[in-house]
PDB file of N, CA and C in Angstrom:
ATOM      1  N   MET A   1       0.816  -1.170   0.035  1.00  0.00           N
ATOM      2  CA  MET A   1       0.056  -0.097   0.119  1.00  0.00           C
ATOM      3  C   MET A   1       0.850   1.233   0.070  1.00  0.00           C
ATOM      4  N   MET A   2       0.760   2.220  -0.909  1.00  0.00           N
ATOM      5  CA  MET A   2       1.563   3.383  -0.981  1.00  0.00           C
ATOM      6  C   MET A   2       0.610   4.406  -1.144  1.00  0.00           C
ATOM      7  N   THR A   3       0.711   5.660  -0.214  1.00  0.00           N
ATOM      8  CA  THR A   3      -0.168   6.827  -0.573  1.00  0.00           C
ATOM      9  C   THR A   3       0.629   7.632  -1.611  1.00  0.00           C
ATOM     10  N   LEU A   4      -0.329   7.731  -2.929  1.00  0.00           N
ATOM     11  CA  LEU A   4       0.044   8.719  -3.901  1.00  0.00           C
ATOM     12  C   LEU A   4      -0.351  10.122  -3.847  1.00  0.00           C
ATOM     13  N   TYR A   5      -1.263  10.375  -3.148  1.00  0.00           N
ATOM     14  CA  TYR A   5      -1.869  11.966  -3.044  1.00  0.00           C
ATOM     15  C   TYR A   5      -2.404  11.963  -1.646  1.00  0.00           C
ATOM     16  N   ASP A   6      -2.291  13.107  -0.919  1.00  0.00           N
ATOM     17  CA  ASP A   6      -3.063  13.422   0.401  1.00  0.00           C
ATOM     18  C   ASP A   6      -3.227  14.897   0.570  1.00  0.00           C
ATOM     19  N   SER A   7      -4.487  15.192   0.482  1.00  0.00           N
ATOM     20  CA  SER A   7      -4.759  16.747   0.730  1.00  0.00           C
ATOM     21  C   SER A   7      -5.693  16.714   1.962  1.00  0.00           C
ATOM     22  N   GLU A   8      -6.294  18.120   2.093  1.00  0.00           N
ATOM     23  CA  GLU A   8      -7.379  18.090   2.863  1.00  0.00           C
ATOM     24  C   GLU A   8      -8.690  17.407   2.410  1.00  0.00           C
ATOM     25  N   SER A   9      -8.799  17.413   1.219  1.00  0.00           N
ATOM     26  CA  SER A   9     -10.072  17.079   0.599  1.00  0.00           C
ATOM     27  C   SER A   9     -10.005  15.548   0.145  1.00  0.00           C
ATOM     28  N   PHE A  10      -8.939  14.893  -0.483  1.00  0.00           N
ATOM     29  CA  PHE A  10      -8.828  13.634  -0.911  1.00  0.00           C
ATOM     30  C   PHE A  10      -7.682  12.909  -0.583  1.00  0.00           C
ATOM     31  N   ALA A  11      -7.723  11.566  -0.587  1.00  0.00           N
ATOM     32  CA  ALA A  11      -6.275  10.984  -0.745  1.00  0.00           C
ATOM     33  C   ALA A  11      -6.511   9.621  -1.634  1.00  0.00           C
ATOM     34  N   VAL A  12      -5.392   9.357  -2.117  1.00  0.00           N
ATOM     35  CA  VAL A  12      -5.153   8.447  -3.254  1.00  0.00           C
ATOM     36  C   VAL A  12      -4.235   7.391  -2.560  1.00  0.00           C
ATOM     37  N   VAL A  13      -4.514   5.982  -2.629  1.00  0.00           N
ATOM     38  CA  VAL A  13      -3.749   4.991  -2.084  1.00  0.00           C
ATOM     39  C   VAL A  13      -3.771   3.853  -3.393  1.00  0.00           C
ATOM     40  N   GLN A  14      -2.554   3.533  -3.550  1.00  0.00           N
ATOM     41  CA  GLN A  14      -2.223   2.409  -4.577  1.00  0.00           C
ATOM     42  C   GLN A  14      -2.122   1.162  -3.705  1.00  0.00           C
ATOM     43  N   LEU A  15      -2.870   0.030  -4.124  1.00  0.00           N
ATOM     44  CA  LEU A  15      -2.785  -1.269  -3.462  1.00  0.00           C
ATOM     45  C   LEU A  15      -2.429  -2.353  -4.477  1.00  0.00           C
ATOM     46  N   VAL A  16      -1.262  -3.080  -4.138  1.00  0.00           N
ATOM     47  CA  VAL A  16      -0.694  -4.299  -5.046  1.00  0.00           C
ATOM     48  C   VAL A  16      -0.956  -5.342  -4.238  1.00  0.00           C
ATOM     49  N   LEU A  17      -1.951  -6.331  -4.488  1.00  0.00           N
ATOM     50  CA  LEU A  17      -2.141  -7.682  -3.843  1.00  0.00           C
ATOM     51  C   LEU A  17      -1.908  -8.837  -4.692  1.00  0.00           C
ATOM     52  N   PRO A  18      -1.430  -9.930  -3.836  1.00  0.00           N
ATOM     53  CA  PRO A  18      -1.314 -11.153  -4.949  1.00  0.00           C
ATOM     54  C   PRO A  18      -2.503 -11.565  -5.504  1.00  0.00           C
ATOM     55  N   ALA A  19      -2.547 -12.072  -6.912  1.00  0.00           N
ATOM     56  CA  ALA A  19      -3.498 -12.407  -7.937  1.00  0.00           C
ATOM     57  C   ALA A  19      -3.672 -13.938  -7.191  1.00  0.00           C
ATOM     58  N   PRO A  20      -4.766 -14.399  -7.906  1.00  0.00           N
ATOM     59  CA  PRO A  20      -5.137 -15.734  -7.582  1.00  0.00           C
ATOM     60  C   PRO A  20      -4.187 -17.044  -7.897  1.00  0.00           C
ATOM     61  N   ALA A  21      -4.172 -17.826  -7.556  1.00  0.00           N
ATOM     62  CA  ALA A  21      -3.138 -18.880  -8.084  1.00  0.00           C
ATOM     63  C   ALA A  21      -3.203 -19.339  -9.299  1.00  0.00           C
ATOM     64  N   SER A  22      -4.401 -19.016 -10.044  1.00  0.00           N
ATOM     65  CA  SER A  22      -4.424 -19.488 -11.366  1.00  0.00           C
ATOM     66  C   SER A  22      -3.387 -18.333 -12.302  1.00  0.00           C
ATOM     67  N   ALA A  23      -3.237 -17.269 -11.814  1.00  0.00           N
ATOM     68  CA  ALA A  23      -2.287 -16.188 -12.466  1.00  0.00           C
ATOM     69  C   ALA A  23      -1.302 -16.686 -12.865  1.00  0.00           C
ATOM     70  N   GLU A  24      -0.563 -16.413 -14.206  1.00  0.00           N
ATOM     71  CA  GLU A  24       1.004 -16.770 -14.570  1.00  0.00           C
ATOM     72  C   GLU A  24       1.706 -15.997 -13.616  1.00  0.00           C
ATOM     73  N   PRO A  25       3.027 -16.876 -13.179  1.00  0.00           N
ATOM     74  CA  PRO A  25       3.979 -16.243 -12.346  1.00  0.00           C
ATOM     75  C   PRO A  25       4.727 -15.151 -13.046  1.00  0.00           C
ATOM     76  N   ASP A  26       5.221 -14.321 -12.380  1.00  0.00           N
ATOM     77  CA  ASP A  26       6.403 -13.331 -13.129  1.00  0.00           C
ATOM     78  C   ASP A  26       5.804 -12.597 -14.037  1.00  0.00           C
ATOM     79  N   THR A  27       4.647 -12.369 -14.031  1.00  0.00           N
ATOM     80  CA  THR A  27       3.970 -11.407 -15.062  1.00  0.00           C
ATOM     81  C   THR A  27       3.112 -10.205 -14.457  1.00  0.00           C
ATOM     82  N   ASP A  28       2.696  -9.290 -15.094  1.00  0.00           N
ATOM     83  CA  ASP A  28       1.837  -8.261 -14.565  1.00  0.00           C
ATOM     84  C   ASP A  28       0.682  -8.779 -14.000  1.00  0.00           C
ATOM     85  N   GLU A  29       0.223  -9.923 -14.664  1.00  0.00           N
ATOM     86  CA  GLU A  29      -1.001 -10.272 -14.304  1.00  0.00           C
ATOM     87  C   GLU A  29      -0.969 -11.049 -13.006  1.00  0.00           C
ATOM     88  N   ALA A  30       0.141 -11.321 -12.466  1.00  0.00           N
ATOM     89  CA  ALA A  30       0.188 -11.934 -11.253  1.00  0.00           C
ATOM     90  C   ALA A  30       0.065 -11.021 -10.214  1.00  0.00           C
ATOM     91  N   PHE A  31      -0.302  -9.821 -10.206  1.00  0.00           N
ATOM     92  CA  PHE A  31      -0.722  -9.053  -9.489  1.00  0.00           C
ATOM     93  C   PHE A  31      -2.009  -8.173  -9.781  1.00  0.00           C
ATOM     94  N   ALA A  32      -2.690  -8.098  -8.465  1.00  0.00           N
ATOM     95  CA  ALA A  32      -4.240  -7.464  -8.772  1.00  0.00           C
ATOM     96  C   ALA A  32      -3.877  -6.136  -8.147  1.00  0.00           C
ATOM     97  N   ARG A  33      -3.895  -5.165  -9.124  1.00  0.00           N
ATOM     98  CA  ARG A  33      -3.713  -3.689  -8.726  1.00  0.00           C
ATOM     99  C   ARG A  33      -4.733  -2.870  -8.548  1.00  0.00           C
ATOM    100  N   GLY A  34      -4.849  -1.834  -7.517  1.00  0.00           N
ATOM    101  CA  GLY A  34      -6.075  -1.258  -7.519  1.00  0.00           C
ATOM    102  C   GLY A  34      -5.751   0.017  -6.883  1.00  0.00           C
ATOM    103  N   PHE A  35      -6.289   1.025  -6.920  1.00  0.00           N
ATOM    104  CA  PHE A  35      -6.449   2.434  -6.170  1.00  0.00           C
ATOM    105  C   PHE A  35      -7.853   2.581  -5.600  1.00  0.00           C
ATOM    106  N   GLU A  36      -7.639   3.227  -4.160  1.00  0.00           N
ATOM    107  CA  GLU A  36      -8.711   3.559  -3.299  1.00  0.00           C
ATOM    108  C   GLU A  36      -8.442   5.248  -3.516  1.00  0.00           C
ATOM    109  N   ILE A  37      -9.350   5.872  -3.772  1.00  0.00           N
ATOM    110  CA  ILE A  37      -9.869   7.194  -3.780  1.00  0.00           C
ATOM    111  C   ILE A  37     -10.882   7.625  -2.542  1.00  0.00           C
ATOM    112  N   LEU A  38     -10.194   8.251  -1.648  1.00  0.00           N
ATOM    113  CA  LEU A  38     -11.168   8.553  -0.446  1.00  0.00           C
ATOM    114  C   LEU A  38     -11.337  10.135  -0.733  1.00  0.00           C
ATOM    115  N   ASP A  39     -12.748  10.511  -0.549  1.00  0.00           N
ATOM    116  CA  ASP A  39     -13.103  11.820  -0.241  1.00  0.00           C
ATOM    117  C   ASP A  39     -13.436  12.325   1.018  1.00  0.00           C
ATOM    118  N   LYS A  40     -12.576  12.766   1.553  1.00  0.00           N
ATOM    119  CA  LYS A  40     -12.447  13.256   2.840  1.00  0.00           C
ATOM    120  C   LYS A  40     -13.633  14.169   3.271  1.00  0.00           C
ATOM    121  N   ARG A  41     -14.121  14.905   2.259  1.00  0.00           N
ATOM    122  CA  ARG A  41     -15.249  16.060   2.605  1.00  0.00           C
ATOM    123  C   ARG A  41     -16.416  15.432   2.918  1.00  0.00           C
ATOM    124  N   VAL A  42     -16.869  14.056   2.349  1.00  0.00           N
ATOM    125  CA  VAL A  42     -17.998  13.653   2.646  1.00  0.00           C
ATOM    126  C   VAL A  42     -17.944  11.969   3.388  1.00  0.00           C
ATOM    127  N   GLY A  43     -16.720  11.731   3.477  1.00  0.00           N
ATOM    128  CA  GLY A  43     -16.292  10.594   4.360  1.00  0.00           C
ATOM    129  C   GLY A  43     -16.838   9.320   3.602  1.00  0.00           C
ATOM    130  N   LYS A  44     -16.412   9.214   2.368  1.00  0.00           N
ATOM    131  CA  LYS A  44     -16.734   8.059   1.544  1.00  0.00           C
ATOM    132  C   LYS A  44     -15.572   7.757   0.461  1.00  0.00           C
ATOM    133  N   GLY A  45     -15.445   6.573  -0.035  1.00  0.00           N
ATOM    134  CA  GLY A  45     -14.344   6.070  -0.935  1.00  0.00           C
ATOM    135  C   GLY A  45     -14.841   5.124  -1.777  1.00  0.00           C
ATOM    136  N   LEU A  46     -13.926   4.914  -2.518  1.00  0.00           N
ATOM    137  CA  LEU A  46     -14.104   3.938  -3.806  1.00  0.00           C
ATOM    138  C   LEU A  46     -12.988   3.175  -4.223  1.00  0.00           C
ATOM    139  N   PHE A  47     -13.034   1.992  -4.611  1.00  0.00           N
ATOM    140  CA  PHE A  47     -11.728   1.350  -5.075  1.00  0.00           C
ATOM    141  C   PHE A  47     -12.016   1.100  -6.700  1.00  0.00           C
ATOM    142  N   LEU A  48     -10.840   1.274  -7.056  1.00  0.00           N
ATOM    143  CA  LEU A  48     -10.864   1.131  -8.653  1.00  0.00           C
ATOM    144  C   LEU A  48      -9.911  -0.011  -8.902  1.00  0.00           C
ATOM    145  N   ASP A  49     -10.507  -1.065  -9.632  1.00  0.00           N
ATOM    146  CA  ASP A  49      -9.670  -1.929 -10.082  1.00  0.00           C
ATOM    147  C   ASP A  49      -9.803  -2.318 -11.659  1.00  0.00           C
ATOM    148  N   GLY A  50      -8.916  -3.560 -12.150  1.00  0.00           N
ATOM    149  CA  GLY A  50      -9.161  -3.856 -13.393  1.00  0.00           C
ATOM    150  C   GLY A  50      -9.084  -2.878 -14.569  1.00  0.00           C
ATOM    151  N   LEU A  51      -9.968  -2.659 -15.367  1.00  0.00           N
ATOM    152  CA  LEU A  51      -9.824  -1.471 -16.308  1.00  0.00           C
ATOM    153  C   LEU A  51      -9.949  -0.198 -15.855  1.00  0.00           C
ATOM    154  N   TRP A  52     -10.736   0.140 -14.868  1.00  0.00           N
ATOM    155  CA  TRP A  52     -10.634   1.393 -14.087  1.00  0.00           C
ATOM    156  C   TRP A  52      -9.208   1.761 -13.517  1.00  0.00           C
ATOM    157  N   ALA A  53      -8.561   0.716 -13.036  1.00  0.00           N
ATOM    158  CA  ALA A  53      -7.369   1.079 -12.616  1.00  0.00           C
ATOM    159  C   ALA A  53      -6.298   1.348 -13.558  1.00  0.00           C
ATOM    160  N   ASP A  54      -6.399   0.617 -14.781  1.00  0.00           N
ATOM    161  CA  ASP A  54      -5.459   1.084 -15.660  1.00  0.00           C
ATOM    162  C   ASP A  54      -5.545   2.286 -16.300  1.00  0.00           C
ATOM    163  N   MET A  55      -6.873   2.733 -16.404  1.00  0.00           N
ATOM    164  CA  MET A  55      -7.242   4.014 -17.145  1.00  0.00           C
ATOM    165  C   MET A  55      -6.659   5.006 -15.830  1.00  0.00           C
ATOM    166  N   PHE A  56      -7.009   4.971 -14.555  1.00  0.00           N
ATOM    167  CA  PHE A  56      -6.399   5.869 -13.400  1.00  0.00           C
ATOM    168  C   PHE A  56      -4.999   5.925 -13.549  1.00  0.00           C
ATOM    169  N   GLN A  57      -4.401   4.631 -13.816  1.00  0.00           N
ATOM    170  CA  GLN A  57      -2.542   4.668 -13.785  1.00  0.00           C
ATOM    171  C   GLN A  57      -2.336   5.416 -14.740  1.00  0.00           C
ATOM    172  N   ALA A  58      -2.906   5.410 -16.197  1.00  0.00           N
ATOM    173  CA  ALA A  58      -2.680   6.322 -17.127  1.00  0.00           C
ATOM    174  C   ALA A  58      -2.615   7.543 -16.997  1.00  0.00           C
ATOM    175  N   ARG A  59      -3.939   7.943 -16.180  1.00  0.00           N
ATOM    176  CA  ARG A  59      -3.942   9.336 -15.877  1.00  0.00           C
ATOM    177  C   ARG A  59      -2.733   9.807 -14.804  1.00  0.00           C
ATOM    178  N   ILE A  60      -2.280   9.076 -14.067  1.00  0.00           N
ATOM    179  CA  ILE A  60      -1.257   9.215 -13.090  1.00  0.00           C
ATOM    180  C   ILE A  60       0.143   9.602 -13.769  1.00  0.00           C
ATOM    181  N   ALA A  61       0.157   8.732 -14.855  1.00  0.00           N
ATOM    182  CA  ALA A  61       1.408   8.604 -15.615  1.00  0.00           C
ATOM    183  C   ALA A  61       1.451  10.231 -16.607  1.00  0.00           C
ATOM    184  N   ALA A  62       0.193  10.623 -16.850  1.00  0.00           N
ATOM    185  CA  ALA A  62       0.203  11.576 -17.778  1.00  0.00           C
ATOM    186  C   ALA A  62       0.536  13.007 -16.681  1.00  0.00           C
ATOM    187  N   TRP A  63      -0.035  12.788 -15.489  1.00  0.00           N
ATOM    188  CA  TRP A  63       0.338  13.621 -14.313  1.00  0.00           C
ATOM    189  C   TRP A  63       1.791  13.915 -14.235  1.00  0.00           C
ATOM    190  N   GLN A  64       2.336  12.613 -14.169  1.00  0.00           N
ATOM    191  CA  GLN A  64       3.922  12.688 -13.954  1.00  0.00           C
ATOM    192  C   GLN A  64       4.632  13.578 -14.891  1.00  0.00           C
ATOM    193  N   LYS A  65       4.070  13.379 -16.236  1.00  0.00           N
ATOM    194  CA  LYS A  65       4.632  14.226 -17.376  1.00  0.00           C
ATOM    195  C   LYS A  65       4.488  15.567 -17.269  1.00  0.00           C
ATOM    196  N   ASP A  66       3.145  16.025 -17.075  1.00  0.00           N
ATOM    197  CA  ASP A  66       2.607  17.201 -17.196  1.00  0.00           C
ATOM    198  C   ASP A  66       2.688  18.177 -15.805  1.00  0.00           C
ATOM    199  N   MET A  67       2.931  17.564 -14.737  1.00  0.00           N
ATOM    200  CA  MET A  67       2.627  18.376 -13.505  1.00  0.00           C
ATOM    201  C   MET A  67       1.550  19.295 -13.418  1.00  0.00           C
ATOM    202  N   PRO A  68       0.245  18.745 -13.215  1.00  0.00           N
ATOM    203  CA  PRO A  68      -0.778  19.466 -13.019  1.00  0.00           C
ATOM    204  C   PRO A  68      -0.932  20.538 -11.773  1.00  0.00           C
ATOM    205  N   THR A  69      -1.812  21.269 -11.679  1.00  0.00           N
ATOM    206  CA  THR A  69      -2.034  22.054 -10.312  1.00  0.00           C
ATOM    207  C   THR A  69      -2.682  21.263  -9.327  1.00  0.00           C
ATOM    208  N   GLN A  70      -2.882  21.520  -8.381  1.00  0.00           N
ATOM    209  CA  GLN A  70      -3.653  20.948  -7.244  1.00  0.00           C
ATOM    210  C   GLN A  70      -5.065  20.832  -7.694  1.00  0.00           C
ATOM    211  N   GLU A  71      -5.345  22.280  -8.282  1.00  0.00           N
ATOM    212  CA  GLU A  71      -6.737  22.328  -8.441  1.00  0.00           C
ATOM    213  C   GLU A  71      -7.357  21.573  -9.601  1.00  0.00           C
ATOM    214  N   GLU A  72      -6.284  21.091 -10.568  1.00  0.00           N
ATOM    215  CA  GLU A  72      -6.553  20.081 -11.436  1.00  0.00           C
ATOM    216  C   GLU A  72      -6.697  18.758 -11.308  1.00  0.00           C
ATOM    217  N   VAL A  73      -5.748  18.405 -10.142  1.00  0.00           N
ATOM    218  CA  VAL A  73      -5.929  16.797  -9.646  1.00  0.00           C
ATOM    219  C   VAL A  73      -7.112  16.636  -9.015  1.00  0.00           C
ATOM    220  N   GLU A  74      -7.630  17.741  -8.083  1.00  0.00           N
ATOM    221  CA  GLU A  74      -8.497  17.733  -7.158  1.00  0.00           C
ATOM    222  C   GLU A  74     -10.049  17.485  -7.879  1.00  0.00           C
ATOM    223  N   SER A  75      -9.922  18.278  -9.186  1.00  0.00           N
ATOM    224  CA  SER A  75     -11.099  18.340  -9.868  1.00  0.00           C
ATOM    225  C   SER A  75     -11.214  16.975 -10.691  1.00  0.00           C
ATOM    226  N   THR A  76     -10.331  16.209 -11.155  1.00  0.00           N
ATOM    227  CA  THR A  76     -10.454  14.854 -11.684  1.00  0.00           C
ATOM    228  C   THR A  76     -10.903  13.905 -10.583  1.00  0.00           C
ATOM    229  N   LEU A  77     -10.254  13.925  -9.133  1.00  0.00           N
ATOM    230  CA  LEU A  77     -10.251  13.279  -8.265  1.00  0.00           C
ATOM    231  C   LEU A  77     -11.862  13.461  -8.054  1.00  0.00           C
ATOM    232  N   ALA A  78     -12.602  14.518  -7.743  1.00  0.00           N
ATOM    233  CA  ALA A  78     -13.791  14.819  -7.427  1.00  0.00           C
ATOM    234  C   ALA A  78     -14.829  14.234  -8.646  1.00  0.00           C
ATOM    235  N   GLY A  79     -14.222  14.145  -9.877  1.00  0.00           N
ATOM    236  CA  GLY A  79     -15.274  13.254 -10.721  1.00  0.00           C
ATOM    237  C   GLY A  79     -15.116  11.902 -10.323  1.00  0.00           C
ATOM    238  N   TYR A  80     -14.124  11.212 -10.140  1.00  0.00           N
ATOM    239  CA  TYR A  80     -14.082   9.713  -9.402  1.00  0.00           C
ATOM    240  C   TYR A  80     -14.972   9.696  -8.348  1.00  0.00           C
ATOM    241  N   ALA A  81     -15.011  10.863  -7.357  1.00  0.00           N
ATOM    242  CA  ALA A  81     -15.374  10.585  -5.880  1.00  0.00           C
ATOM    243  C   ALA A  81     -17.126  10.557  -6.229  1.00  0.00           C
ATOM    244  N   VAL A  82     -17.611  11.266  -7.184  1.00  0.00           N
ATOM    245  CA  VAL A  82     -19.074  11.098  -7.328  1.00  0.00           C
ATOM    246  C   VAL A  82     -19.638   9.584  -7.236  1.00  0.00           C
ATOM    247  N   LEU A  83     -18.540   8.745  -7.637  1.00  0.00           N
ATOM    248  CA  LEU A  83     -19.082   7.220  -7.700  1.00  0.00           C
ATOM    249  C   LEU A  83     -19.009   6.648  -6.162  1.00  0.00           C
ATOM    250  N   ALA A  84     -18.357   7.423  -5.373  1.00  0.00           N
ATOM    251  CA  ALA A  84     -18.057   6.846  -4.107  1.00  0.00           C
ATOM    252  C   ALA A  84     -19.219   6.288  -3.387  1.00  0.00           C
ATOM    253  N   GLN A  85     -19.313   5.047  -2.664  1.00  0.00           N
ATOM    254  CA  GLN A  85     -20.650   4.739  -1.946  1.00  0.00           C
ATOM    255  C   GLN A  85     -20.269   4.099  -0.493  1.00  0.00           C
ATOM    256  N   ASN A  86     -18.756   3.827  -0.448  1.00  0.00           N
ATOM    257  CA  ASN A  86     -18.225   3.269   0.833  1.00  0.00           C
ATOM    258  C   ASN A  86     -17.877   4.341   1.837  1.00  0.00           C
ATOM    259  N   PRO A  87     -18.403   4.069   3.097  1.00  0.00           N
ATOM    260  CA  PRO A  87     -18.032   4.913   4.129  1.00  0.00           C
ATOM    261  C   PRO A  87     -16.739   4.671   4.363  1.00  0.00           C
ATOM    262  N   MET A  88     -15.759   5.961   4.739  1.00  0.00           N
ATOM    263  CA  MET A  88     -14.533   5.671   5.264  1.00  0.00           C
ATOM    264  C   MET A  88     -14.538   4.976   6.553  1.00  0.00           C
ATOM    265  N   VAL A  89     -13.701   4.199   6.859  1.00  0.00           N
ATOM    266  CA  VAL A  89     -13.537   3.536   8.298  1.00  0.00           C
ATOM    267  C   VAL A  89     -12.024   3.664   8.414  1.00  0.00           C
ATOM    268  N   ILE A  90     -11.723   4.170   9.698  1.00  0.00           N
ATOM    269  CA  ILE A  90     -10.308   4.368  10.136  1.00  0.00           C
ATOM    270  C   ILE A  90     -10.091   3.369  11.041  1.00  0.00           C
ATOM    271  N   HIS A  91      -8.825   2.585  10.837  1.00  0.00           N
ATOM    272  CA  HIS A  91      -8.515   1.489  11.650  1.00  0.00           C
ATOM    273  C   HIS A  91      -7.276   1.824  12.556  1.00  0.00           C
TER     274      HIS A  91
END
């Protein structure tokens, strides 16, 4: 688990978990990757995996090249956050 972004409004965490035993070893498919986006303003979050995670990873790669402003990042995260249904739980 690695925190990629943390502000007063949002947090983004990347998760890398072992894939099922049926996955081919030593390949990218051997890991289930995902991103958790937490909207601190409303106390909800969502988990992106599969194709959604791939698209979000491409967005992050573009951000690394273009260095967006905090407002641009937060606007994008707000677009994802409207899908958030899971209440945030702090352990």
